[in-house]
Protein backbone atom coordinates (compact mmCIF):
# COMPACT_ATOMS: atom_id res chain seq x y z
CA UNK A 1 14.86 -3.98 -18.42
CA UNK A 2 14.04 -0.65 -20.16
CA UNK A 3 11.30 -2.11 -21.95
CA UNK A 4 9.15 -3.37 -18.76
CA UNK A 5 9.53 0.06 -17.03
CA UNK A 6 8.55 1.77 -20.32
CA UNK A 7 5.41 -0.29 -20.38
CA UNK A 8 4.77 0.56 -16.83
CA UNK A 9 5.24 4.08 -17.29
CA UNK A 10 2.78 3.94 -20.49
CA UNK A 11 0.36 1.87 -18.51
CA UNK A 12 0.29 4.43 -15.41
CA UNK A 13 0.02 7.45 -17.67
CA UNK A 14 -2.30 5.99 -20.29
CA UNK A 15 -5.69 7.00 -18.67
CA UNK A 16 -5.49 10.76 -18.27
CA UNK A 17 -8.84 10.64 -16.74
CA UNK A 18 -7.67 8.44 -13.62
CA UNK A 19 -4.53 10.72 -13.23
CA UNK A 20 -6.88 13.80 -13.00
CA UNK A 21 -9.16 12.27 -10.49
CA UNK A 22 -6.03 11.18 -8.43
CA UNK A 23 -4.63 14.59 -8.61
CA UNK A 24 -8.03 16.28 -7.73
CA UNK A 25 -8.62 13.92 -4.65
CA UNK A 26 -5.00 14.63 -3.76
CA UNK A 27 -5.56 18.31 -3.90
CA UNK A 28 -8.79 18.35 -2.05
CA UNK A 29 -7.29 16.30 0.93
CA UNK A 30 -4.07 18.49 1.03
CA UNK A 31 -6.47 21.53 1.34
CA UNK A 32 -8.78 20.26 3.84
CA UNK A 33 -5.62 19.19 5.91
CA UNK A 34 -4.24 22.39 5.54
CA UNK A 35 -7.36 24.23 6.94
CA UNK A 36 -7.88 21.72 9.90
CA UNK A 37 -4.19 21.78 10.80
CA UNK A 38 -4.30 25.74 10.80
CA UNK A 39 -7.47 25.89 12.69
CA UNK A 40 -6.06 23.56 15.36
CA UNK A 41 -2.84 25.88 15.46
CA UNK A 42 -4.67 29.22 15.88
CA UNK A 43 -6.90 27.74 18.46
CA UNK A 44 -4.19 26.56 20.58
CA UNK A 45 -2.36 29.86 19.98
CA UNK A 46 -5.52 31.50 21.38
CA UNK A 47 -5.66 29.49 24.38
CA UNK A 48 -1.96 29.96 25.18
CA UNK A 49 -2.35 33.70 24.68
CA UNK A 50 -5.63 33.80 26.67
CA UNK A 51 -3.81 32.20 29.54
CA UNK A 52 -0.85 34.14 29.28
CA UNK A 53 -2.26 36.93 31.40
CA UNK A 54 -0.07 35.88 34.13
CA UNK A 55 3.26 36.00 32.23
CA UNK A 56 4.32 39.95 33.06
CA UNK A 57 5.93 40.22 29.60
CA UNK A 58 2.52 39.35 27.56
CA UNK A 59 0.34 40.77 30.08
CA UNK A 60 0.60 44.37 28.31
CA UNK A 61 0.36 42.87 24.95
CA UNK A 62 -2.77 41.13 25.78
CA UNK A 63 -4.28 44.07 27.61
CA UNK A 64 -3.58 46.19 24.33
CA UNK A 65 -5.21 43.67 22.31
CA UNK A 66 -8.52 43.58 24.42
CA UNK A 67 -8.50 47.37 24.86
CA UNK A 68 -8.48 47.52 20.97
CA UNK A 69 -11.27 44.80 20.50
CA UNK A 70 -13.35 46.62 23.15
CA UNK A 71 -13.15 49.75 21.12
CA UNK A 72 -14.03 48.21 17.62
CA UNK A 73 -16.87 46.91 19.55
CA UNK A 74 -18.27 50.51 20.64
CA UNK A 75 -17.59 52.21 17.41
CA UNK A 76 -20.90 53.12 15.24
CA UNK A 77 -21.20 51.01 12.11
CA UNK A 78 -20.19 52.09 8.63
CA UNK A 79 -22.91 53.46 6.52
CA UNK A 80 -24.34 51.09 4.13
CA UNK A 81 -22.97 47.85 5.97
CA UNK A 82 -26.81 47.21 7.25
CA UNK A 83 -25.83 47.16 10.80
CA UNK A 84 -28.14 49.16 12.57
């Protein structure tokens, strides 16, 4: 029993190249999945916040955020940023 499981272990981990490729593909897939999931979460959060203008508690918070964004748009660009 021990001998057959040891042989399986050696056979699986014998090929370092295959192990590297498997881990690389798994890591890339995990990274892409994380980015897609975070994008969907932030998009849904944005939709909920944009529609929350009817909720009295959040109305003031959303109003302050919109005012800050509008003030930021009206500021002059920093020197050396290329925006003229």
